[in-house]
Structures are given as C-alpha cells and as structure tokens.
Amino acid sequence: MAGPLSPAPLSAQRERRALLLALALVVALHLLALAALSRLLQPPSLLAPVAPPFYTRTIAAQATPAEAPAPPPRAAKSKPNRSSARIHQARAAPKKRANQSPDATPGAAPPPEPEAVASAPAEPAEDASAPQVAEAPAAEPAAPAASAAPPAFLDRWPADTRLTYRLGGHYRGELHGDAEVLWQREGTRYQAVVRLDVGLLLSSRFTSQGEITEQGLRPEVYEEQVRQRRRGVRLGEDVRLHSGERVPRPEAVQDAASQFVELGQRFATGQARLEPGAQVRVWLARPGGVDEWTYDVVGEETLHLPRLGAVQALHLKPRPLARPRGPITAEIWYAPALQHLPVRIRITQGADTFMDLLVETIEQR
C-alpha cells in the first residue's frame, strides 16, 4: 500500500509558479520602463496648447445655387411713375413758392414772429475769416487693441468645425474605427487636426498650426504623432525638416493637415475650379521633405453618407510623384452643398492597405 504523497512535488510546483510570476512581473516592468524612456527621449512637441472649442449646431446639406428652388411670385404692386411724379411736383412748385418765403423748405418749422426775433438776445457776429471748429464730444477712453475689428477676409473662412467620420478599410483583415477633422481659429490664428483611431492597431494625429492671411493659410508648425512616435516640421522663411535639414519654402506651401481646409477654401471662394477635368497643385511639407502634389478632379459622385444621406461630391485624386517618399496617398471628396468640406477621405498605403473615411456628423460653433 502506497504511503502518503510527499510534500516535495507540491513545493516544487509552488516554486515554479512563483518563478513564472516573478519573470512576468520583471518583463512588464521593463516594458513600462522602455515606454517611459521613449517618451523622455522623443523631441518635445512643437505645438502650442489650444483650448477645445464649444460646438453649438450641426449642419446638413444645403441646396446649391443651381438646385435652389425659385422664390414664389410676388403680387405686383402699382407704383407711381417717378418721371410723371416729378413733372407734377415741378408744376405745383410755383404755387407753393407764392405762399412761402424762398428759404422755406417742406417740413421745416415756420419762421419766428417779429416780436420774438426782437426780444431775442443779440449774439456776437462770427468772424468769417476765422476757422470754424465744431464742438468735440467728451473724449471716451481709447478701446484696447484687442477690440479692433478683425480683418474682413476672416469672414470667408468657416467657423470652428468638427467633422466625425466612420472609418473602414483593410490591413491584414478588415479595419473599423473612427476619425476626425478639426478646424479652429482665434483671430488670425488657426489649428487644423486630422485624427485616426483604429484601437490598439493604430492611433495617429496630424496637426497644423499657423496664420490665416488674405492669400490663404500660412502654416508655421506641423507635427505627426503615430502611436508614440512624434515628428515635426517648422515653417518660417524656410522649411526645417525633422532631420534638421533646411530647404526653401515654396509659395503657398501647406502640410498634410492644413491641405484639407485650404483646398476647400480655394474651391469655395473660386480661387480653384471644382469641376470634372480641372486640376489643382499644392506644395505639401512633411517631416521628410517638401513635394508638389497635383490633384485631378476626376468626376462628380453621389455619396451615401451614414447619417446625412445622399450628397453630391467631387472626387480629387493625386497624381503619383516622380520621387515618392512613401506609398501613402490621400484621395478627397468635397461637397459644395456642405460648405465645400471634405466628406470622404481615402488613405492608401500599398495595394491591400487602405482606410476609407465617410463623414457622419458636422458640428460648428
């Protein structure tokens, strides 16, 4: 008959479990330390802090001028003939002048009685040669410079806007997530943000900050953050890339975030044609370099948006670069009935990797 189970095997199992637990704890601590170290070693952000805006309304598609219904006919009102009225007035004028002094005007108070004039105190005669100085009202305190009227060209730019998108696509399987395009302005300062979120697989944010001018957006800093990696560009008299290299700044250069707003503004104001067969060129600065992109307006399409329904949009497709810096390209669909905003964005990276963004809601201040 076998004796009782020896306690040695039980203690060995406990030691093995304790060793595995300690090993897992050490690995987790090392990963956390590496993540913290990577955050410390990456360069500081180039962006200035911006307070999030408060949105007050959502917008829907508006009829374009060609589709706008004609106003109902108004009942014709009989109006007197202006020329005949002037003739009658001219004929009646002599009769009026016979009964009133030459200085009298219609609607003026009658002249004072002679007694009233005689009893009025005499006023000293004014010297005709002396300059006439109007009495100035009491001086008001000067308004601060901040209250000065903003430049008129700012009225052509949209108010603070947030577009939320439903994200689909493919990367080693189907992708599902959400995305945003944010536009904010305060005075002549702006911020444009493109945010993509596919859960643990990918989280990225592309931000542009700069100045609004009468000629368009003038970016000053652009930053890309993909997962925990951050890269940026400074745009001044020249363009300073992430590597520190300086290259000439092309005229009207944009970046990968500001282009979505800048192109829509060009179409909305007629600076660029948004019709099939047209093309628009734009210089784009990214951390790796500056390139000139050409977008072709390949056609008009009816998009069936998740919440806004059927909307007409024009499809912009970029031409391949002669010297591409990577396989990423972005096609854009602009909707004239939705303030020329980008209602669809398709980001492609290779043959089988893409993200397709369809707008769900549009909010504005």
Protein backbone atom coordinates (compact mmCIF):
# COMPACT_ATOMS: atom_id res chain seq x y z
CA MET A 1 0.00 0.00 0.00
CA ALA A 2 1.39 3.33 -1.09
CA GLY A 3 2.28 5.80 1.59
CA PRO A 4 1.05 9.45 1.79
CA LEU A 5 2.01 11.93 -1.02
CA SER A 6 5.34 13.53 -0.35
CA PRO A 7 5.25 17.31 0.08
CA ALA A 8 8.27 17.73 -2.23
CA PRO A 9 6.31 17.78 -5.54
CA LEU A 10 3.85 20.37 -4.14
CA SER A 11 6.64 22.73 -3.08
CA ALA A 12 8.32 22.37 -6.50
CA GLN A 13 5.10 23.40 -8.25
CA ARG A 14 4.72 26.41 -6.00
CA GLU A 15 8.30 27.46 -6.65
CA ARG A 16 7.76 27.12 -10.41
CA ARG A 17 4.62 29.28 -10.30
CA ALA A 18 6.37 31.91 -8.18
CA LEU A 19 9.28 31.99 -10.64
CA LEU A 20 6.96 32.44 -13.63
CA LEU A 21 5.06 35.20 -11.84
CA ALA A 22 8.29 36.99 -10.98
CA LEU A 23 9.51 36.66 -14.56
CA ALA A 24 6.26 38.13 -15.93
CA LEU A 25 6.48 40.99 -13.46
CA VAL A 26 10.07 41.76 -14.48
CA VAL A 27 9.13 41.75 -18.21
CA ALA A 28 6.18 44.08 -17.56
CA LEU A 29 8.35 46.48 -15.58
CA HIS A 30 10.96 46.50 -18.33
CA LEU A 31 8.31 47.28 -20.97
CA LEU A 32 6.95 50.12 -18.87
CA ALA A 33 10.45 51.47 -18.36
CA LEU A 34 11.19 51.33 -22.09
CA ALA A 35 7.91 53.12 -22.89
CA ALA A 36 8.68 55.85 -20.36
CA LEU A 37 12.23 56.17 -21.70
CA SER A 38 11.00 56.51 -25.28
CA ARG A 39 8.68 59.33 -24.21
CA LEU A 40 11.56 61.09 -22.48
CA LEU A 41 13.91 60.70 -25.42
CA GLN A 42 11.49 61.88 -28.13
CA PRO A 43 11.71 65.59 -29.02
CA PRO A 44 9.29 67.98 -27.31
CA SER A 45 6.13 68.93 -29.14
CA LEU A 46 6.29 71.95 -31.44
CA LEU A 47 2.61 72.76 -30.91
CA ALA A 48 1.14 75.50 -28.77
CA PRO A 49 -1.71 74.47 -26.43
CA VAL A 50 -5.17 75.29 -27.80
CA ALA A 51 -8.39 75.17 -25.81
CA PRO A 52 -11.05 72.87 -27.30
CA PRO A 53 -13.96 74.77 -28.87
CA PHE A 54 -17.63 74.53 -27.93
CA TYR A 55 -19.88 73.48 -30.78
CA THR A 56 -23.45 74.80 -30.88
CA ARG A 57 -25.02 73.36 -34.03
CA THR A 58 -24.88 70.63 -36.62
CA ILE A 59 -25.17 71.31 -40.33
CA ALA A 60 -26.86 69.43 -43.14
CA ALA A 61 -26.63 69.63 -46.91
CA GLN A 62 -27.86 72.88 -48.47
CA ALA A 63 -29.18 73.24 -51.99
CA THR A 64 -26.58 74.56 -54.40
CA PRO A 65 -27.46 77.71 -56.39
CA ALA A 66 -28.43 75.62 -59.42
CA GLU A 67 -30.71 73.43 -57.29
CA ALA A 68 -32.20 76.19 -55.14
CA PRO A 69 -35.99 76.45 -55.65
CA ALA A 70 -37.22 79.60 -57.30
CA PRO A 71 -38.96 82.04 -54.94
CA PRO A 72 -42.78 82.23 -55.23
CA PRO A 73 -44.05 85.05 -57.46
CA ARG A 74 -44.98 88.18 -55.61
CA ALA A 75 -48.15 90.12 -56.26
CA ALA A 76 -47.42 93.11 -58.45
CA LYS A 77 -47.80 96.40 -56.65
CA SER A 78 -48.78 99.50 -58.52
CA LYS A 79 -46.06 102.09 -58.16
CA PRO A 80 -46.38 105.70 -59.26
CA ASN A 81 -44.40 106.70 -62.28
CA ARG A 82 -41.39 108.56 -60.95
CA SER A 83 -40.97 110.74 -64.00
CA SER A 84 -44.62 111.84 -64.02
CA ALA A 85 -44.47 112.48 -60.27
CA ARG A 86 -41.51 114.78 -60.80
CA ILE A 87 -43.37 116.67 -63.53
CA HIS A 88 -46.42 117.22 -61.31
CA GLN A 89 -44.18 118.28 -58.45
CA ALA A 90 -42.39 120.79 -60.68
CA ARG A 91 -45.74 122.25 -61.83
CA ALA A 92 -47.01 122.54 -58.28
CA ALA A 93 -43.80 124.19 -57.05
CA PRO A 94 -44.59 127.78 -58.19
CA LYS A 95 -47.89 127.73 -56.32
CA LYS A 96 -46.10 126.77 -53.12
CA ARG A 97 -43.42 129.40 -53.56
CA ALA A 98 -46.09 132.07 -53.87
CA ASN A 99 -47.31 131.32 -50.38
CA GLN A 100 -43.96 130.84 -48.61
CA SER A 101 -40.65 132.56 -48.33
CA PRO A 102 -37.81 131.49 -50.64
CA ASP A 103 -35.87 129.99 -47.72
CA ALA A 104 -38.71 127.77 -46.54
CA THR A 105 -38.33 124.06 -47.09
CA PRO A 106 -41.04 121.36 -46.93
CA GLY A 107 -41.48 120.11 -43.41
CA ALA A 108 -39.48 122.99 -41.84
CA ALA A 109 -40.81 124.94 -38.86
CA PRO A 110 -42.43 128.34 -39.66
CA PRO A 111 -40.20 131.40 -39.16
CA PRO A 112 -40.46 133.13 -35.75
CA GLU A 113 -42.69 136.14 -35.27
CA PRO A 114 -41.02 139.59 -35.49
CA GLU A 115 -41.65 140.22 -31.80
CA ALA A 116 -39.85 137.02 -30.88
CA VAL A 117 -36.91 138.00 -33.03
CA ALA A 118 -36.71 141.46 -31.50
CA SER A 119 -36.80 140.09 -27.97
CA ALA A 120 -34.10 137.52 -28.56
CA PRO A 121 -30.70 138.45 -27.12
CA ALA A 122 -28.19 139.56 -29.69
CA GLU A 123 -25.32 137.18 -30.31
CA PRO A 124 -21.85 138.33 -31.28
CA ALA A 125 -21.19 138.13 -35.00
CA GLU A 126 -18.83 135.38 -36.11
CA ASP A 127 -15.67 136.24 -37.92
CA ALA A 128 -15.98 134.74 -41.40
CA SER A 129 -12.21 134.54 -41.71
CA ALA A 130 -11.81 132.52 -38.50
CA PRO A 131 -11.73 128.74 -38.97
CA GLN A 132 -14.89 127.04 -37.87
CA VAL A 133 -14.25 124.45 -35.17
CA ALA A 134 -17.02 122.01 -34.29
CA GLU A 135 -17.53 121.26 -30.65
CA ALA A 136 -16.00 117.85 -29.95
CA PRO A 137 -17.92 115.45 -27.71
CA ALA A 138 -16.43 114.39 -24.44
CA ALA A 139 -13.41 112.19 -25.06
CA GLU A 140 -14.05 108.49 -24.48
CA PRO A 141 -11.35 106.16 -23.22
CA ALA A 142 -9.46 104.54 -26.08
CA ALA A 143 -10.56 100.99 -26.82
CA PRO A 144 -7.89 98.35 -26.29
CA ALA A 145 -6.16 97.00 -29.39
CA ALA A 146 -7.75 93.58 -28.86
CA SER A 147 -11.20 95.05 -29.55
CA ALA A 148 -10.19 96.29 -33.02
CA ALA A 149 -12.34 94.96 -35.84
CA PRO A 150 -10.96 91.70 -37.29
CA PRO A 151 -9.78 91.70 -40.92
CA ALA A 152 -12.63 91.42 -43.41
CA PHE A 153 -11.15 88.35 -45.13
CA LEU A 154 -11.74 86.25 -42.00
CA ASP A 155 -15.47 86.23 -42.78
CA ARG A 156 -14.72 83.99 -45.76
CA TRP A 157 -13.35 81.21 -43.53
CA PRO A 158 -15.60 78.68 -41.79
CA ALA A 159 -16.27 78.86 -38.08
CA ASP A 160 -14.81 76.25 -35.72
CA THR A 161 -15.79 72.93 -37.29
CA ARG A 162 -15.56 69.25 -36.29
CA LEU A 163 -16.18 66.51 -38.84
CA THR A 164 -16.53 63.00 -37.42
CA TYR A 165 -16.06 60.03 -39.76
CA ARG A 166 -16.85 56.35 -39.80
CA LEU A 167 -13.58 54.58 -40.59
CA GLY A 168 -13.39 51.36 -42.53
CA GLY A 169 -10.61 49.72 -44.51
CA HIS A 170 -8.24 46.81 -44.73
CA TYR A 171 -4.92 45.90 -43.10
CA ARG A 172 -4.34 42.15 -42.73
CA GLY A 173 -8.10 41.99 -42.36
CA GLU A 174 -10.95 44.45 -42.03
CA LEU A 175 -10.42 47.72 -40.19
CA HIS A 176 -13.03 49.52 -38.10
CA GLY A 177 -12.61 52.74 -36.16
CA ASP A 178 -13.35 56.43 -36.20
CA ALA A 179 -11.67 59.63 -37.31
CA GLU A 180 -12.00 63.41 -37.04
CA VAL A 181 -11.01 66.52 -38.93
CA LEU A 182 -10.94 69.58 -36.65
CA TRP A 183 -10.67 73.22 -37.65
CA GLN A 184 -10.28 76.02 -35.11
CA ARG A 185 -9.47 79.70 -35.43
CA GLU A 186 -8.96 82.51 -32.96
CA GLY A 187 -8.43 85.85 -34.62
CA THR A 188 -5.98 85.17 -37.42
CA ARG A 189 -4.52 82.07 -35.73
CA TYR A 190 -5.66 78.58 -36.77
CA GLN A 191 -5.26 74.91 -35.90
CA ALA A 192 -6.15 72.00 -38.19
CA VAL A 193 -6.10 68.41 -36.90
CA VAL A 194 -6.62 65.03 -38.56
CA ARG A 195 -7.08 62.19 -36.06
CA LEU A 196 -7.30 58.46 -36.87
CA ASP A 197 -8.14 55.80 -34.29
CA VAL A 198 -8.23 52.07 -35.05
CA GLY A 199 -7.94 50.89 -31.45
CA LEU A 200 -4.74 49.11 -30.44
CA LEU A 201 -3.74 48.66 -34.07
CA LEU A 202 -3.18 52.34 -34.90
CA SER A 203 -3.66 55.72 -33.30
CA SER A 204 -2.33 58.78 -35.10
CA ARG A 205 -2.75 62.54 -35.06
CA PHE A 206 -1.61 65.13 -37.62
CA THR A 207 -1.68 68.78 -36.51
CA SER A 208 -1.01 72.07 -38.29
CA GLN A 209 -0.82 75.50 -36.64
CA GLY A 210 -0.21 78.87 -38.21
CA GLU A 211 -1.65 82.13 -39.51
CA ILE A 212 -4.68 82.95 -41.66
CA THR A 213 -3.76 85.53 -44.29
CA GLU A 214 -5.65 87.17 -47.12
CA GLN A 215 -3.84 84.82 -49.54
CA GLY A 216 -4.68 81.65 -47.56
CA LEU A 217 -3.29 79.55 -44.73
CA ARG A 218 0.35 80.05 -43.78
CA PRO A 219 1.48 77.05 -41.68
CA GLU A 220 4.18 77.63 -39.07
CA VAL A 221 4.47 74.19 -37.44
CA TYR A 222 3.30 70.74 -38.48
CA GLU A 223 3.52 67.62 -36.33
CA GLU A 224 2.77 63.94 -36.89
CA GLN A 225 2.27 61.54 -34.00
CA VAL A 226 1.87 57.87 -34.91
CA ARG A 227 1.48 55.72 -31.80
CA GLN A 228 4.24 57.14 -29.57
CA ARG A 229 6.49 58.41 -32.35
CA ARG A 230 6.46 62.18 -32.91
CA ARG A 231 7.98 64.05 -35.85
CA GLY A 232 7.62 67.68 -36.81
CA VAL A 233 8.37 70.47 -39.27
CA ARG A 234 8.95 74.18 -38.70
CA LEU A 235 7.92 76.55 -41.48
CA GLY A 236 9.43 80.04 -41.38
CA GLU A 237 11.43 81.83 -44.04
CA ASP A 238 12.49 78.31 -44.99
CA VAL A 239 11.31 74.80 -44.04
CA ARG A 240 13.19 72.97 -41.31
CA LEU A 241 12.62 69.23 -41.65
CA HIS A 242 12.62 66.67 -38.84
CA SER A 243 16.25 65.80 -39.61
CA GLY A 244 17.28 69.43 -39.13
CA GLU A 245 17.85 69.98 -42.84
CA ARG A 246 16.62 73.33 -44.16
CA VAL A 247 15.03 73.60 -47.60
CA PRO A 248 13.50 76.60 -49.44
CA ARG A 249 9.89 77.41 -48.61
CA PRO A 250 7.67 77.28 -51.72
CA GLU A 251 4.97 79.90 -52.14
CA ALA A 252 1.58 78.94 -50.60
CA VAL A 253 3.06 75.72 -49.15
CA GLN A 254 0.71 73.65 -46.96
CA ASP A 255 1.09 70.46 -44.94
CA ALA A 256 -0.72 67.13 -44.73
CA ALA A 257 -3.32 68.54 -42.28
CA SER A 258 -3.89 72.11 -43.48
CA GLN A 259 -4.43 70.99 -47.09
CA PHE A 260 -7.93 69.67 -46.33
CA VAL A 261 -9.09 73.13 -45.21
CA GLU A 262 -7.02 75.19 -47.64
CA LEU A 263 -8.24 73.32 -50.74
CA GLY A 264 -11.87 73.54 -49.63
CA GLN A 265 -11.45 77.30 -49.14
CA ARG A 266 -9.95 77.70 -52.61
CA PHE A 267 -12.93 75.92 -54.11
CA ALA A 268 -15.48 77.83 -52.02
CA THR A 269 -14.04 81.24 -53.00
CA GLY A 270 -13.45 80.40 -56.66
CA GLN A 271 -9.65 80.53 -56.46
CA ALA A 272 -9.60 76.99 -57.89
CA ARG A 273 -12.11 75.24 -60.14
CA LEU A 274 -14.01 72.32 -58.66
CA GLU A 275 -15.38 70.61 -61.75
CA PRO A 276 -14.53 67.42 -63.65
CA GLY A 277 -11.37 67.84 -65.68
CA ALA A 278 -9.89 70.57 -63.51
CA GLN A 279 -6.66 70.22 -61.56
CA VAL A 280 -5.13 71.93 -58.55
CA ARG A 281 -1.50 72.00 -57.47
CA VAL A 282 -0.31 72.37 -53.88
CA TRP A 283 3.08 72.12 -52.18
CA LEU A 284 2.98 69.92 -49.08
CA ALA A 285 5.58 69.91 -46.30
CA ARG A 286 6.07 66.75 -44.24
CA PRO A 287 8.81 65.72 -41.80
CA GLY A 288 10.77 64.00 -44.59
CA GLY A 289 10.62 66.68 -47.29
CA VAL A 290 8.58 69.09 -49.42
CA ASP A 291 6.84 67.96 -52.61
CA GLU A 292 4.43 69.47 -55.13
CA TRP A 293 1.25 67.42 -55.49
CA THR A 294 -1.22 67.65 -58.37
CA TYR A 295 -4.84 66.70 -57.72
CA ASP A 296 -7.12 65.91 -60.65
CA VAL A 297 -10.87 66.44 -60.29
CA VAL A 298 -11.80 63.11 -61.83
CA GLY A 299 -15.58 63.39 -61.57
CA GLU A 300 -18.71 64.04 -59.58
CA GLU A 301 -20.21 61.23 -57.50
CA THR A 302 -23.24 60.64 -55.29
CA LEU A 303 -22.06 59.61 -51.84
CA HIS A 304 -24.46 57.89 -49.45
CA LEU A 305 -23.28 59.18 -46.09
CA PRO A 306 -24.22 57.23 -42.94
CA ARG A 307 -26.36 60.00 -41.40
CA LEU A 308 -26.53 62.82 -43.93
CA GLY A 309 -27.89 60.73 -46.78
CA ALA A 310 -27.14 61.20 -50.48
CA VAL A 311 -24.78 64.10 -51.21
CA GLN A 312 -23.09 65.17 -54.44
CA ALA A 313 -19.31 65.40 -54.10
CA LEU A 314 -16.38 65.94 -56.44
CA HIS A 315 -13.52 63.46 -56.32
CA LEU A 316 -9.91 64.66 -56.15
CA LYS A 317 -7.23 62.10 -56.93
CA PRO A 318 -3.50 62.83 -56.58
CA ARG A 319 -1.05 62.01 -59.35
CA PRO A 320 1.90 59.77 -58.46
CA LEU A 321 5.05 61.67 -57.51
CA ALA A 322 8.15 61.33 -59.63
CA ARG A 323 10.18 60.63 -56.47
CA PRO A 324 7.75 59.35 -53.85
CA ARG A 325 8.86 59.40 -50.22
CA GLY A 326 6.49 56.57 -49.34
CA PRO A 327 3.45 54.69 -50.60
CA ILE A 328 0.85 56.83 -48.77
CA THR A 329 -1.62 58.89 -50.85
CA ALA A 330 -4.93 60.55 -49.98
CA GLU A 331 -7.98 60.97 -52.21
CA ILE A 332 -10.51 63.61 -51.15
CA TRP A 333 -14.20 64.21 -51.93
CA TYR A 334 -15.51 67.78 -51.44
CA ALA A 335 -19.24 68.52 -51.18
CA PRO A 336 -20.34 72.00 -52.39
CA ALA A 337 -23.68 71.59 -50.57
CA LEU A 338 -21.78 71.07 -47.27
CA GLN A 339 -19.65 74.23 -47.32
CA HIS A 340 -17.08 72.54 -49.59
CA LEU A 341 -15.96 70.36 -46.68
CA PRO A 342 -14.14 67.03 -47.19
CA VAL A 343 -16.92 64.47 -46.71
CA ARG A 344 -14.84 61.45 -47.73
CA ILE A 345 -11.11 60.73 -47.43
CA ARG A 346 -9.42 57.55 -48.64
CA ILE A 347 -5.86 56.98 -47.42
CA THR A 348 -4.00 54.28 -49.34
CA GLN A 349 -0.74 52.58 -48.39
CA GLY A 350 0.03 49.84 -50.85
CA ALA A 351 -2.34 47.62 -52.79
CA ASP A 352 -4.09 45.91 -49.86
CA THR A 353 -3.81 48.55 -47.13
CA PHE A 354 -6.23 51.48 -47.02
CA MET A 355 -8.53 53.47 -44.75
CA ASP A 356 -11.83 54.88 -46.01
CA LEU A 357 -13.41 57.75 -44.05
CA LEU A 358 -17.09 58.70 -44.57
CA VAL A 359 -18.39 61.72 -42.69
CA GLU A 360 -21.14 61.07 -40.12
CA THR A 361 -21.71 64.42 -38.42
CA ILE A 362 -20.60 68.02 -38.96
CA GLU A 363 -20.63 70.37 -35.98
CA GLN A 364 -19.85 74.07 -35.89
CA ARG A 365 -19.57 76.84 -33.35
